[in-house]
């Protein structure tokens, strides 16, 4: 059996509604992730979206974390496009190696059974 240990979360963003937010990023303005700017623009890694009951909704990986996470909240082709309002917490792991990102993403999807990941989901038979 292969033993994989996930690194500690580098960033944890929690939804905070702020009706006076005038930021340009929809993720902050519309969805309440006001600390979104803390995610580095130039870092790669893995991100996880959780609901208010701490259930894993979606896992993804990116070469540029901030831009990729933002696209999930603005794009019409995102796997979570119909469930954006369910996202309450975003956990970000900074992982430089492309191979490690792929391994972590697949491992998290299948061990924690991410609800909206359709590809790489081996737990669904």
C-alpha atoms as a PDB file:
ATOM      1  CA  UNK A   1       0.000   0.000   0.000  1.00  0.00           C
ATOM      2  CA  UNK A   2       1.213   3.486  -0.815  1.00  0.00           C
ATOM      3  CA  UNK A   3       1.232   5.988   2.036  1.00  0.00           C
ATOM      4  CA  UNK A   4       0.740   9.609   0.982  1.00  0.00           C
ATOM      5  CA  UNK A   5       0.896  12.424   3.494  1.00  0.00           C
ATOM      6  CA  UNK A   6      -0.619  15.735   2.476  1.00  0.00           C
ATOM      7  CA  UNK A   7       1.300  18.900   3.309  1.00  0.00           C
ATOM      8  CA  UNK A   8      -0.206  21.420   5.723  1.00  0.00           C
ATOM      9  CA  UNK A   9      -2.546  23.956   4.184  1.00  0.00           C
ATOM     10  CA  UNK A  10      -0.745  27.148   3.202  1.00  0.00           C
ATOM     11  CA  UNK A  11      -3.924  29.221   2.946  1.00  0.00           C
ATOM     12  CA  UNK A  12      -7.460  28.729   4.222  1.00  0.00           C
ATOM     13  CA  UNK A  13     -10.091  31.180   2.991  1.00  0.00           C
ATOM     14  CA  UNK A  14     -13.518  31.299   4.591  1.00  0.00           C
ATOM     15  CA  UNK A  15     -16.534  33.034   3.120  1.00  0.00           C
ATOM     16  CA  UNK A  16     -17.364  36.346   4.783  1.00  0.00           C
ATOM     17  CA  UNK A  17     -20.238  38.308   3.331  1.00  0.00           C
ATOM     18  CA  UNK A  18     -19.439  41.997   3.026  1.00  0.00           C
ATOM     19  CA  UNK A  19     -22.122  43.984   1.187  1.00  0.00           C
ATOM     20  CA  UNK A  20     -19.824  47.014   0.905  1.00  0.00           C
ATOM     21  CA  UNK A  21     -17.064  45.130  -0.957  1.00  0.00           C
ATOM     22  CA  UNK A  22     -16.184  46.922  -4.192  1.00  0.00           C
ATOM     23  CA  UNK A  23     -13.336  44.675  -5.341  1.00  0.00           C
ATOM     24  CA  UNK A  24     -13.119  43.730  -8.985  1.00  0.00           C
ATOM     25  CA  UNK A  25     -12.796  40.007  -8.331  1.00  0.00           C
ATOM     26  CA  UNK A  26     -16.182  38.295  -8.335  1.00  0.00           C
ATOM     27  CA  UNK A  27     -14.806  35.717  -5.912  1.00  0.00           C
ATOM     28  CA  UNK A  28     -14.479  38.459  -3.285  1.00  0.00           C
ATOM     29  CA  UNK A  29     -17.375  40.720  -4.242  1.00  0.00           C
ATOM     30  CA  UNK A  30     -20.078  38.131  -5.005  1.00  0.00           C
ATOM     31  CA  UNK A  31     -18.956  35.067  -3.073  1.00  0.00           C
ATOM     32  CA  UNK A  32     -17.451  36.650   0.038  1.00  0.00           C
ATOM     33  CA  UNK A  33     -13.855  35.415  -0.122  1.00  0.00           C
ATOM     34  CA  UNK A  34     -12.442  38.780   0.883  1.00  0.00           C
ATOM     35  CA  UNK A  35      -8.978  37.367   1.690  1.00  0.00           C
ATOM     36  CA  UNK A  36      -8.624  35.947  -1.825  1.00  0.00           C
ATOM     37  CA  UNK A  37      -5.765  38.395  -2.467  1.00  0.00           C
ATOM     38  CA  UNK A  38      -3.585  36.400  -0.016  1.00  0.00           C
ATOM     39  CA  UNK A  39      -3.201  33.562  -2.529  1.00  0.00           C
ATOM     40  CA  UNK A  40       0.046  34.194  -4.428  1.00  0.00           C
ATOM     41  CA  UNK A  41      -0.259  34.961  -8.136  1.00  0.00           C
ATOM     42  CA  UNK A  42       2.849  33.028  -9.150  1.00  0.00           C
ATOM     43  CA  UNK A  43       2.580  29.856  -7.041  1.00  0.00           C
ATOM     44  CA  UNK A  44       1.430  26.414  -8.155  1.00  0.00           C
ATOM     45  CA  UNK A  45      -0.479  23.915  -6.089  1.00  0.00           C
ATOM     46  CA  UNK A  46      -3.686  22.130  -5.198  1.00  0.00           C
ATOM     47  CA  UNK A  47      -6.934  23.697  -3.990  1.00  0.00           C
ATOM     48  CA  UNK A  48     -10.016  22.240  -2.329  1.00  0.00           C
ATOM     49  CA  UNK A  49     -13.518  23.696  -2.070  1.00  0.00           C
ATOM     50  CA  UNK A  50     -15.591  22.762   1.004  1.00  0.00           C
ATOM     51  CA  UNK A  51     -19.199  23.471   1.938  1.00  0.00           C
ATOM     52  CA  UNK A  52     -20.421  24.886   5.279  1.00  0.00           C
ATOM     53  CA  UNK A  53     -20.615  21.360   6.745  1.00  0.00           C
ATOM     54  CA  UNK A  54     -16.927  20.803   5.837  1.00  0.00           C
ATOM     55  CA  UNK A  55     -17.728  18.300   3.076  1.00  0.00           C
ATOM     56  CA  UNK A  56     -15.311  18.277   0.165  1.00  0.00           C
ATOM     57  CA  UNK A  57     -16.977  19.556  -2.996  1.00  0.00           C
ATOM     58  CA  UNK A  58     -14.145  19.876  -5.507  1.00  0.00           C
ATOM     59  CA  UNK A  59     -10.374  19.456  -5.842  1.00  0.00           C
ATOM     60  CA  UNK A  60      -8.211  21.070  -8.501  1.00  0.00           C
ATOM     61  CA  UNK A  61      -4.611  21.827  -9.323  1.00  0.00           C
ATOM     62  CA  UNK A  62      -3.005  24.774 -11.045  1.00  0.00           C
ATOM     63  CA  UNK A  63       0.273  26.298 -12.151  1.00  0.00           C
ATOM     64  CA  UNK A  64      -1.066  29.702 -11.067  1.00  0.00           C
ATOM     65  CA  UNK A  65      -3.362  29.189  -8.106  1.00  0.00           C
ATOM     66  CA  UNK A  66      -4.999  32.593  -7.770  1.00  0.00           C
ATOM     67  CA  UNK A  67      -5.992  32.805 -11.426  1.00  0.00           C
ATOM     68  CA  UNK A  68      -7.325  29.226 -11.545  1.00  0.00           C
ATOM     69  CA  UNK A  69      -9.410  29.548  -8.387  1.00  0.00           C
ATOM     70  CA  UNK A  70     -10.850  32.807  -9.663  1.00  0.00           C
ATOM     71  CA  UNK A  71     -11.821  31.163 -12.974  1.00  0.00           C
ATOM     72  CA  UNK A  72     -13.948  28.625 -11.095  1.00  0.00           C
ATOM     73  CA  UNK A  73     -16.057  31.508  -9.807  1.00  0.00           C
ATOM     74  CA  UNK A  74     -16.289  33.384 -13.108  1.00  0.00           C
ATOM     75  CA  UNK A  75     -16.213  30.709 -15.814  1.00  0.00           C
ATOM     76  CA  UNK A  76     -19.284  29.143 -17.390  1.00  0.00           C
ATOM     77  CA  UNK A  77     -17.520  25.814 -17.962  1.00  0.00           C
ATOM     78  CA  UNK A  78     -16.316  25.181 -14.414  1.00  0.00           C
ATOM     79  CA  UNK A  79     -17.293  21.866 -12.828  1.00  0.00           C
ATOM     80  CA  UNK A  80     -18.766  23.799  -9.898  1.00  0.00           C
ATOM     81  CA  UNK A  81     -20.569  26.483 -11.908  1.00  0.00           C
ATOM     82  CA  UNK A  82     -23.962  25.453 -10.505  1.00  0.00           C
ATOM     83  CA  UNK A  83     -22.635  25.051  -6.961  1.00  0.00           C
ATOM     84  CA  UNK A  84     -20.580  28.201  -6.382  1.00  0.00           C
ATOM     85  CA  UNK A  85     -22.913  29.377  -3.628  1.00  0.00           C
ATOM     86  CA  UNK A  86     -22.237  26.121  -1.744  1.00  0.00           C
ATOM     87  CA  UNK A  87     -18.503  26.847  -1.421  1.00  0.00           C
ATOM     88  CA  UNK A  88     -17.838  28.078   2.116  1.00  0.00           C
ATOM     89  CA  UNK A  89     -14.119  27.364   2.513  1.00  0.00           C
ATOM     90  CA  UNK A  90     -11.146  27.163   0.150  1.00  0.00           C
ATOM     91  CA  UNK A  91      -8.011  25.309   1.245  1.00  0.00           C
ATOM     92  CA  UNK A  92      -4.810  25.890  -0.743  1.00  0.00           C
ATOM     93  CA  UNK A  93      -1.641  23.772  -0.731  1.00  0.00           C
ATOM     94  CA  UNK A  94       1.403  25.256  -2.470  1.00  0.00           C
ATOM     95  CA  UNK A  95       3.088  22.434  -4.417  1.00  0.00           C
ATOM     96  CA  UNK A  96       5.785  23.252  -6.967  1.00  0.00           C
ATOM     97  CA  UNK A  97       6.247  19.853  -8.614  1.00  0.00           C
ATOM     98  CA  UNK A  98       3.746  19.073 -11.408  1.00  0.00           C
ATOM     99  CA  UNK A  99       3.971  15.356 -10.639  1.00  0.00           C
ATOM    100  CA  UNK A 100       3.292  15.896  -6.930  1.00  0.00           C
ATOM    101  CA  UNK A 101       0.310  18.157  -7.761  1.00  0.00           C
ATOM    102  CA  UNK A 102      -1.195  15.425  -9.913  1.00  0.00           C
ATOM    103  CA  UNK A 103      -0.626  12.764  -7.249  1.00  0.00           C
ATOM    104  CA  UNK A 104      -2.090  14.905  -4.459  1.00  0.00           C
ATOM    105  CA  UNK A 105      -5.102  15.882  -6.554  1.00  0.00           C
ATOM    106  CA  UNK A 106      -5.935  12.267  -7.472  1.00  0.00           C
ATOM    107  CA  UNK A 107      -5.312  11.067  -3.921  1.00  0.00           C
ATOM    108  CA  UNK A 108      -7.533  13.758  -2.333  1.00  0.00           C
ATOM    109  CA  UNK A 109     -10.346  13.230  -4.856  1.00  0.00           C
ATOM    110  CA  UNK A 110     -10.488   9.530  -4.099  1.00  0.00           C
ATOM    111  CA  UNK A 111      -9.743   9.326  -0.382  1.00  0.00           C
ATOM    112  CA  UNK A 112     -11.999  12.225   0.608  1.00  0.00           C
ATOM    113  CA  UNK A 113     -14.514  11.496  -2.198  1.00  0.00           C
ATOM    114  CA  UNK A 114     -14.864  14.947  -3.725  1.00  0.00           C
ATOM    115  CA  UNK A 115     -18.487  15.427  -4.723  1.00  0.00           C
ATOM    116  CA  UNK A 116     -18.101  17.291  -8.028  1.00  0.00           C
ATOM    117  CA  UNK A 117     -14.897  15.813  -9.435  1.00  0.00           C
ATOM    118  CA  UNK A 118     -15.918  13.574 -12.325  1.00  0.00           C
ATOM    119  CA  UNK A 119     -12.524  12.802 -13.811  1.00  0.00           C
ATOM    120  CA  UNK A 120      -9.954  10.905 -11.736  1.00  0.00           C
ATOM    121  CA  UNK A 121     -12.731   9.674  -9.409  1.00  0.00           C
ATOM    122  CA  UNK A 122     -12.035   5.968  -8.957  1.00  0.00           C
ATOM    123  CA  UNK A 123     -14.303   5.552  -5.923  1.00  0.00           C
ATOM    124  CA  UNK A 124     -17.383   5.716  -8.155  1.00  0.00           C
ATOM    125  CA  UNK A 125     -18.016   2.364  -9.782  1.00  0.00           C
END
